[in-house]
């Protein structure tokens, strides 16, 4: 049907007010809905007190309690070697003997020197006795002459008296010389005996013995091998290597950040996967300094091994209780932001506004962290997704259904 332009214009003017009202009403409705959804829900947990401990898990290696390569003290040929790798030996057991012919001759020469010096001492003592006897006789003769001259002056010539006194003094000097000779010969005997003892000790060194009970872990020489003295400047080959394995050292590299928390006497749980065994141990010693190349401190645990089940070189997973607190103020680890210079948490205050609080952190585990300062027990802490909230923002706190936090564990 045909409509004039004027009619269409009047109809448009009537429709426009109605459209405008509908748009305004719809806009107000959407604005109202949006304002009601602007307050976000914040998952929160309560800061609570609970026992907390931090554990360090690190791989350690078993090493012998003692291990040494045994060298010969003197050069010579292996006459006999009685052990091989894997043999158990006792302390003091002879492991190998060396053939050193020139050493035998030197020991015999030193022994002859001792006997010769002893004979010289005997001869010197005899000379001393002869000199003392002669001196005694001359002194008695001189005394008689002096007594006679005193009883009858002029009876004994002065020349005769002077000769008797001179002989007496000369004999006394001979006695002192004989005494000095005896003393010198006795001192020479000490030198000869020391020389003999030296060669006797070197002869003992031709027998290589075990310094402690253990296991032969390597054998370097066979019968007939020429062995250089371990004291020589040139590189000398050891004869055998032995290790004490009845007790082992479990050595652990502790990171720099936790080194100060490890103390002697700390307990440790040791898991040896190769044997499928778990047992406990105690920290016995540490280096008290960091290795500059790895920035770790070496810690050792002594592990008894009477049955020989553990072998040097095996690895074990060790769990150490490095930090412990019986009444720590704890929050979930995901509620802490440590990206900046100062760690902080977001707390929902009494008016449901977000408040940022800087905190000091203590013990940290995989799930929880101790707050030393900056937070009070019972504070509502936003549990996760901290970047979604701003300080001062109004939120609706709600216990996080994804985080079960009962003061003792965060799952």
Protein backbone atom coordinates (compact mmCIF):
# COMPACT_ATOMS: atom_id res chain seq x y z
CA UNK A 1 0.00 0.00 0.00
CA UNK A 2 1.32 3.39 -0.88
CA UNK A 3 2.37 5.69 2.02
CA UNK A 4 3.19 9.28 1.61
CA UNK A 5 6.55 10.61 2.85
CA UNK A 6 4.81 12.72 5.42
CA UNK A 7 3.08 9.69 6.89
CA UNK A 8 6.36 7.74 7.15
CA UNK A 9 8.01 10.73 8.93
CA UNK A 10 5.24 10.93 11.52
CA UNK A 11 5.54 7.20 12.24
CA UNK A 12 9.32 7.48 12.69
CA UNK A 13 8.88 10.26 15.26
CA UNK A 14 6.47 8.08 17.21
CA UNK A 15 8.84 5.02 17.21
CA UNK A 16 12.01 6.87 18.23
CA UNK A 17 10.91 7.72 21.81
CA UNK A 18 9.89 4.13 22.43
CA UNK A 19 13.21 2.80 21.12
CA UNK A 20 15.12 5.24 23.28
CA UNK A 21 13.26 4.14 26.40
CA UNK A 22 13.92 0.49 25.66
CA UNK A 23 17.63 1.14 25.15
CA UNK A 24 17.90 3.12 28.35
CA UNK A 25 16.08 0.43 30.33
CA UNK A 26 18.26 -2.30 28.88
CA UNK A 27 21.41 -0.30 29.57
CA UNK A 28 20.40 0.30 33.17
CA UNK A 29 19.68 -3.38 33.62
CA UNK A 30 23.12 -4.35 32.26
CA UNK A 31 24.79 -1.71 34.38
CA UNK A 32 23.12 -3.09 37.47
CA UNK A 33 24.17 -6.65 36.62
CA UNK A 34 27.78 -5.57 35.97
CA UNK A 35 28.07 -3.67 39.23
CA UNK A 36 26.95 -6.73 41.17
CA UNK A 37 29.65 -8.87 39.49
CA UNK A 38 32.54 -6.41 40.02
CA UNK A 39 33.40 -7.68 43.56
CA UNK A 40 35.69 -10.68 42.98
CA UNK A 41 35.82 -13.73 45.19
CA UNK A 42 39.18 -14.22 46.93
CA UNK A 43 40.19 -17.72 48.11
CA UNK A 44 41.62 -17.32 51.61
CA UNK A 45 43.14 -19.41 54.38
CA UNK A 46 43.82 -18.50 57.99
CA UNK A 47 47.39 -18.07 59.16
CA UNK A 48 47.74 -20.73 61.87
CA UNK A 49 50.39 -22.12 64.17
CA UNK A 50 51.64 -25.67 63.72
CA UNK A 51 54.83 -27.79 63.96
CA UNK A 52 57.00 -27.35 60.89
CA UNK A 53 60.22 -28.90 59.73
CA UNK A 54 62.28 -28.55 56.60
CA UNK A 55 63.93 -31.61 55.12
CA UNK A 56 66.87 -31.77 52.76
CA UNK A 57 67.02 -34.62 50.28
CA UNK A 58 70.39 -35.16 48.68
CA UNK A 59 72.21 -38.03 47.01
CA UNK A 60 75.27 -39.30 48.86
CA UNK A 61 78.06 -41.72 47.96
CA UNK A 62 79.54 -44.45 50.13
CA UNK A 63 83.33 -44.34 50.41
CA UNK A 64 85.73 -46.48 52.48
CA UNK A 65 86.33 -45.34 56.03
CA UNK A 66 90.04 -45.58 55.29
CA UNK A 67 91.83 -46.30 52.01
CA UNK A 68 95.54 -46.29 51.32
CA UNK A 69 98.02 -47.31 48.63
CA UNK A 70 100.94 -49.19 50.16
CA UNK A 71 104.43 -48.39 48.82
CA UNK A 72 107.77 -50.01 49.54
CA UNK A 73 110.11 -48.00 51.78
CA UNK A 74 113.14 -49.47 49.99
CA UNK A 75 113.73 -50.36 46.37
CA UNK A 76 113.80 -54.04 45.47
CA UNK A 77 112.22 -56.93 43.62
CA UNK A 78 108.98 -58.58 44.71
CA UNK A 79 110.02 -61.93 46.13
CA UNK A 80 106.49 -62.95 47.08
CA UNK A 81 103.05 -61.34 47.09
CA UNK A 82 100.37 -63.27 48.94
CA UNK A 83 97.17 -61.30 48.34
CA UNK A 84 94.96 -60.37 45.42
CA UNK A 85 91.98 -58.09 44.87
CA UNK A 86 89.00 -58.94 47.03
CA UNK A 87 91.07 -60.64 49.75
CA UNK A 88 90.30 -59.66 53.32
CA UNK A 89 93.40 -58.91 55.40
CA UNK A 90 94.09 -58.32 59.09
CA UNK A 91 96.06 -55.50 60.67
CA UNK A 92 99.78 -56.38 60.64
CA UNK A 93 99.41 -59.15 58.06
CA UNK A 94 102.38 -59.47 55.65
CA UNK A 95 101.11 -58.75 52.16
CA UNK A 96 104.36 -58.91 50.18
CA UNK A 97 108.11 -59.33 50.72
CA UNK A 98 110.95 -57.71 48.79
CA UNK A 99 114.34 -59.10 47.85
CA UNK A 100 117.04 -56.46 48.64
CA UNK A 101 120.50 -58.19 48.67
CA UNK A 102 122.53 -55.02 49.22
CA UNK A 103 120.42 -54.21 52.27
CA UNK A 104 121.41 -57.50 53.89
CA UNK A 105 125.08 -56.67 53.34
CA UNK A 106 124.61 -53.20 54.79
CA UNK A 107 122.90 -54.62 57.87
CA UNK A 108 125.73 -57.12 58.37
CA UNK A 109 128.31 -54.33 58.03
CA UNK A 110 126.47 -52.22 60.59
CA UNK A 111 126.34 -55.17 62.96
CA UNK A 112 130.10 -55.68 62.57
CA UNK A 113 130.64 -52.00 63.32
CA UNK A 114 128.73 -52.38 66.57
CA UNK A 115 130.89 -55.35 67.62
CA UNK A 116 134.10 -53.51 66.70
CA UNK A 117 133.09 -50.50 68.77
CA UNK A 118 132.22 -52.71 71.73
CA UNK A 119 135.74 -54.22 71.54
CA UNK A 120 137.23 -50.71 71.41
CA UNK A 121 135.29 -49.85 74.57
CA UNK A 122 136.73 -52.92 76.31
CA UNK A 123 140.26 -51.93 75.24
CA UNK A 124 139.74 -48.33 76.36
CA UNK A 125 138.54 -49.45 79.76
CA UNK A 126 141.63 -51.65 80.11
CA UNK A 127 143.86 -48.68 79.26
CA UNK A 128 142.01 -46.66 81.88
CA UNK A 129 142.62 -49.31 84.53
CA UNK A 130 146.34 -49.46 83.65
CA UNK A 131 146.62 -45.65 83.77
CA UNK A 132 144.82 -45.50 87.11
CA UNK A 133 147.11 -48.18 88.56
CA UNK A 134 150.26 -46.42 87.34
CA UNK A 135 148.99 -43.09 88.61
CA UNK A 136 148.24 -44.61 92.00
CA UNK A 137 151.78 -46.05 92.26
CA UNK A 138 153.48 -42.80 91.26
CA UNK A 139 151.32 -40.82 93.65
CA UNK A 140 152.24 -43.14 96.52
CA UNK A 141 155.97 -42.79 95.70
CA UNK A 142 155.70 -39.02 95.54
CA UNK A 143 153.89 -38.93 98.88
CA UNK A 144 156.60 -41.03 100.56
CA UNK A 145 159.36 -38.76 99.29
CA UNK A 146 157.58 -35.66 100.57
CA UNK A 147 157.04 -37.25 103.97
CA UNK A 148 160.73 -38.24 104.22
CA UNK A 149 161.90 -34.79 103.21
CA UNK A 150 159.64 -33.24 105.79
CA UNK A 151 160.92 -35.58 108.54
CA UNK A 152 164.65 -35.02 107.75
CA UNK A 153 165.25 -31.82 105.81
CA UNK A 154 168.06 -32.15 103.29
CA UNK A 155 167.78 -35.95 103.17
CA UNK A 156 165.98 -35.95 99.78
CA UNK A 157 167.28 -33.78 96.97
CA UNK A 158 164.88 -31.19 95.69
CA UNK A 159 165.40 -32.42 92.12
CA UNK A 160 164.22 -35.86 93.12
CA UNK A 161 161.11 -34.42 94.75
CA UNK A 162 160.30 -32.36 91.66
CA UNK A 163 160.69 -35.41 89.39
CA UNK A 164 158.31 -37.45 91.58
CA UNK A 165 155.67 -34.71 91.54
CA UNK A 166 155.93 -34.36 87.73
CA UNK A 167 155.49 -38.11 87.23
CA UNK A 168 152.46 -38.04 89.56
CA UNK A 169 150.80 -35.26 87.59
CA UNK A 170 151.57 -36.93 84.24
CA UNK A 171 150.00 -40.17 85.44
CA UNK A 172 146.88 -38.30 86.57
CA UNK A 173 146.67 -36.71 83.12
CA UNK A 174 146.95 -40.18 81.55
CA UNK A 175 143.99 -41.29 83.66
CA UNK A 176 141.86 -38.39 82.45
CA UNK A 177 142.85 -39.11 78.85
CA UNK A 178 141.91 -42.76 79.28
CA UNK A 179 138.53 -41.73 80.71
CA UNK A 180 137.89 -39.44 77.72
CA UNK A 181 138.81 -42.27 75.37
CA UNK A 182 136.32 -44.58 77.06
CA UNK A 183 133.60 -41.91 76.82
CA UNK A 184 134.31 -41.23 73.14
CA UNK A 185 134.25 -44.95 72.35
CA UNK A 186 130.92 -45.33 74.15
CA UNK A 187 129.51 -42.48 72.08
CA UNK A 188 130.80 -44.17 68.95
CA UNK A 189 128.96 -47.29 70.06
CA UNK A 190 125.74 -45.28 70.12
CA UNK A 191 126.38 -44.15 66.54
CA UNK A 192 127.13 -47.71 65.44
CA UNK A 193 124.01 -49.04 67.12
CA UNK A 194 121.88 -46.32 65.48
CA UNK A 195 123.34 -47.25 62.10
CA UNK A 196 122.59 -50.89 62.77
CA UNK A 197 119.04 -50.03 63.85
CA UNK A 198 118.56 -48.02 60.66
CA UNK A 199 119.47 -50.94 58.44
CA UNK A 200 117.45 -53.33 60.59
CA UNK A 201 114.43 -51.06 60.15
CA UNK A 202 115.03 -50.94 56.42
CA UNK A 203 115.14 -54.72 56.44
CA UNK A 204 111.76 -54.68 58.17
CA UNK A 205 110.51 -52.39 55.39
CA UNK A 206 111.22 -55.17 52.92
CA UNK A 207 108.02 -56.71 54.33
CA UNK A 208 104.89 -54.79 53.34
CA UNK A 209 102.20 -55.19 56.01
CA UNK A 210 98.58 -54.09 56.32
CA UNK A 211 98.15 -51.02 58.57
CA UNK A 212 94.53 -51.94 59.32
CA UNK A 213 92.00 -54.68 58.67
CA UNK A 214 90.26 -54.32 55.33
CA UNK A 215 89.93 -55.54 51.77
CA UNK A 216 92.50 -55.47 48.97
CA UNK A 217 90.85 -53.29 46.33
CA UNK A 218 93.72 -53.29 43.83
CA UNK A 219 97.00 -55.06 43.14
CA UNK A 220 99.65 -53.21 41.15
CA UNK A 221 102.62 -55.61 41.13
CA UNK A 222 103.42 -59.27 40.61
CA UNK A 223 106.25 -61.54 41.69
CA UNK A 224 109.54 -60.31 40.23
CA UNK A 225 108.39 -56.72 39.70
CA UNK A 226 110.96 -54.04 40.45
CA UNK A 227 109.54 -51.62 43.01
CA UNK A 228 111.07 -48.22 43.62
CA UNK A 229 111.24 -46.78 47.11
CA UNK A 230 108.22 -44.67 47.96
CA UNK A 231 110.53 -41.99 49.37
CA UNK A 232 112.35 -41.45 46.07
CA UNK A 233 111.74 -38.35 44.01
CA UNK A 234 110.75 -40.33 40.91
CA UNK A 235 107.21 -41.66 40.68
CA UNK A 236 107.04 -45.00 42.45
CA UNK A 237 104.45 -47.68 41.83
CA UNK A 238 102.43 -48.87 44.85
CA UNK A 239 102.23 -52.57 45.58
CA UNK A 240 98.59 -52.89 46.70
CA UNK A 241 95.66 -50.74 47.78
CA UNK A 242 93.52 -51.69 50.76
CA UNK A 243 90.31 -50.18 52.12
CA UNK A 244 88.50 -50.44 55.43
CA UNK A 245 84.91 -51.40 54.59
CA UNK A 246 83.52 -52.77 57.85
CA UNK A 247 82.37 -49.20 58.36
CA UNK A 248 81.76 -46.76 55.50
CA UNK A 249 81.54 -43.01 55.19
CA UNK A 250 78.40 -41.69 53.48
CA UNK A 251 79.47 -38.33 52.05
CA UNK A 252 76.84 -35.69 51.22
CA UNK A 253 77.17 -32.34 49.43
CA UNK A 254 74.99 -29.86 51.37
CA UNK A 255 74.06 -26.66 49.46
CA UNK A 256 75.37 -23.32 50.68
CA UNK A 257 71.88 -22.10 51.59
CA UNK A 258 71.38 -24.96 54.08
CA UNK A 259 74.94 -25.54 55.28
CA UNK A 260 74.49 -23.48 58.44
CA UNK A 261 71.46 -25.59 59.48
CA UNK A 262 73.28 -28.93 59.44
CA UNK A 263 74.82 -29.85 62.80
CA UNK A 264 76.72 -32.78 64.22
CA UNK A 265 74.31 -35.31 65.69
CA UNK A 266 71.44 -34.53 63.29
CA UNK A 267 69.45 -37.62 62.34
CA UNK A 268 69.12 -38.76 58.76
CA UNK A 269 67.06 -41.31 56.87
CA UNK A 270 69.14 -43.27 54.36
CA UNK A 271 67.58 -45.12 51.44
CA UNK A 272 69.76 -47.44 49.36
CA UNK A 273 67.77 -48.20 46.22
CA UNK A 274 70.24 -50.84 45.01
CA UNK A 275 69.49 -52.94 48.13
CA UNK A 276 65.92 -51.71 48.65
CA UNK A 277 66.79 -50.86 52.25
CA UNK A 278 66.14 -47.85 54.46
CA UNK A 279 67.87 -47.15 57.76
CA UNK A 280 68.79 -44.21 59.96
CA UNK A 281 72.12 -42.53 60.64
CA UNK A 282 73.69 -39.60 62.47
CA UNK A 283 75.81 -36.78 61.08
CA UNK A 284 79.33 -37.42 62.41
CA UNK A 285 81.46 -34.71 60.81
CA UNK A 286 81.56 -31.92 58.24
CA UNK A 287 84.24 -29.88 56.52
CA UNK A 288 83.10 -26.62 58.20
CA UNK A 289 83.83 -24.84 54.92
CA UNK A 290 82.41 -24.68 51.40
CA UNK A 291 83.99 -26.14 48.30
CA UNK A 292 84.68 -23.06 46.11
CA UNK A 293 83.95 -24.97 42.91
CA UNK A 294 80.56 -26.43 43.93
CA UNK A 295 79.54 -24.08 46.78
CA UNK A 296 78.66 -27.10 48.92
CA UNK A 297 79.80 -28.34 52.32
CA UNK A 298 80.79 -31.98 52.60
CA UNK A 299 78.97 -33.82 55.40
CA UNK A 300 79.70 -37.39 56.47
CA UNK A 301 77.62 -40.10 58.14
CA UNK A 302 79.31 -43.25 59.46
CA UNK A 303 77.42 -46.38 58.38
CA UNK A 304 78.33 -49.78 59.92
CA UNK A 305 78.80 -52.49 57.31
CA UNK A 306 79.65 -55.71 59.21
CA UNK A 307 78.14 -58.03 56.59
CA UNK A 308 79.64 -56.22 53.62
CA UNK A 309 76.27 -55.57 51.96
CA UNK A 310 77.21 -52.00 51.14
CA UNK A 311 79.91 -51.41 48.57
CA UNK A 312 82.08 -48.28 48.20
CA UNK A 313 80.77 -46.29 45.26
CA UNK A 314 77.09 -47.05 45.93
CA UNK A 315 74.69 -44.12 46.07
CA UNK A 316 72.01 -43.46 48.66
CA UNK A 317 69.17 -40.97 48.94
CA UNK A 318 69.52 -39.17 52.26
CA UNK A 319 66.84 -37.10 54.01
CA UNK A 320 68.08 -34.67 56.67
CA UNK A 321 65.94 -32.68 59.11
CA UNK A 322 67.77 -29.40 58.65
CA UNK A 323 65.25 -27.00 60.28
CA UNK A 324 62.56 -27.52 62.86
CA UNK A 325 60.00 -25.39 64.73
CA UNK A 326 57.33 -26.68 67.13
CA UNK A 327 55.06 -23.61 67.00
CA UNK A 328 55.52 -21.89 63.66
CA UNK A 329 53.09 -19.40 62.12
CA UNK A 330 52.54 -20.99 58.71
CA UNK A 331 50.73 -20.20 55.46
CA UNK A 332 50.58 -22.07 52.14
CA UNK A 333 53.66 -21.59 50.00
CA UNK A 334 51.52 -20.39 47.08
CA UNK A 335 50.25 -17.47 49.15
CA UNK A 336 53.74 -15.96 49.36
CA UNK A 337 55.18 -13.72 46.65
CA UNK A 338 58.99 -13.69 46.64
CA UNK A 339 59.54 -12.19 43.21
CA UNK A 340 60.68 -8.84 44.59
CA UNK A 341 63.30 -7.74 47.07
CA UNK A 342 60.89 -8.17 50.00
CA UNK A 343 58.50 -11.14 50.28
CA UNK A 344 54.85 -10.26 50.85
CA UNK A 345 51.37 -11.75 51.24
CA UNK A 346 47.92 -10.36 50.49
CA UNK A 347 45.57 -10.20 53.46
CA UNK A 348 41.80 -9.53 53.48
CA UNK A 349 41.11 -7.12 56.35
CA UNK A 350 37.95 -6.75 58.46
CA UNK A 351 36.30 -4.55 55.79
CA UNK A 352 37.07 -7.14 53.07
CA UNK A 353 39.70 -4.99 51.41
CA UNK A 354 42.98 -6.39 50.15
CA UNK A 355 46.05 -5.32 52.13
CA UNK A 356 49.61 -6.04 51.13
CA UNK A 357 51.89 -7.04 54.02
CA UNK A 358 55.65 -7.47 53.83
CA UNK A 359 56.80 -10.51 55.80
CA UNK A 360 59.97 -12.17 57.01
CA UNK A 361 60.21 -15.79 55.98
CA UNK A 362 61.59 -18.67 58.08
CA UNK A 363 61.43 -22.39 57.40
CA UNK A 364 60.04 -23.37 53.99
CA UNK A 365 58.83 -26.76 52.82
CA UNK A 366 57.29 -27.91 49.55
CA UNK A 367 53.79 -26.88 50.72
CA UNK A 368 54.16 -24.46 53.60
CA UNK A 369 56.27 -21.54 54.73
CA UNK A 370 56.92 -20.07 58.19
CA UNK A 371 56.21 -16.36 58.71
CA UNK A 372 58.51 -14.85 61.32
CA UNK A 373 57.10 -11.32 61.27
CA UNK A 374 54.58 -9.16 59.42
CA UNK A 375 51.56 -11.42 59.95
CA UNK A 376 49.28 -12.31 62.85
CA UNK A 377 47.67 -15.60 63.70
CA UNK A 378 44.15 -15.73 62.26
CA UNK A 379 44.81 -13.27 59.39
CA UNK A 380 42.93 -14.11 56.20
CA UNK A 381 45.58 -14.70 53.59
CA UNK A 382 44.75 -14.93 49.89
CA UNK A 383 45.79 -18.45 49.00
CA UNK A 384 46.66 -18.23 45.31
CA UNK A 385 46.71 -16.17 42.09
CA UNK A 386 48.06 -13.08 43.86
CA UNK A 387 48.53 -11.13 40.62
CA UNK A 388 44.73 -10.96 40.16
CA UNK A 389 44.29 -8.72 43.23
CA UNK A 390 45.31 -5.16 43.98
CA UNK A 391 46.02 -3.53 47.32
CA UNK A 392 42.86 -1.76 48.55
CA UNK A 393 40.54 -3.75 46.31
CA UNK A 394 37.20 -4.88 47.73
CA UNK A 395 36.81 -8.68 47.60
CA UNK A 396 34.55 -11.39 48.91
CA UNK A 397 36.69 -13.77 51.03
CA UNK A 398 35.89 -17.42 50.68
CA UNK A 399 37.65 -20.49 52.06
CA UNK A 400 39.52 -22.00 49.13
CA UNK A 401 37.98 -25.36 48.20
CA UNK A 402 41.14 -26.29 46.30
CA UNK A 403 43.38 -25.82 49.35
CA UNK A 404 42.82 -27.85 52.50
CA UNK A 405 44.72 -26.09 55.24
CA UNK A 406 44.24 -27.37 58.74
CA UNK A 407 47.26 -25.82 60.39
CA UNK A 408 49.36 -28.93 60.01
CA UNK A 409 49.48 -29.54 56.28
CA UNK A 410 48.57 -27.95 52.98
CA UNK A 411 47.46 -30.46 50.39
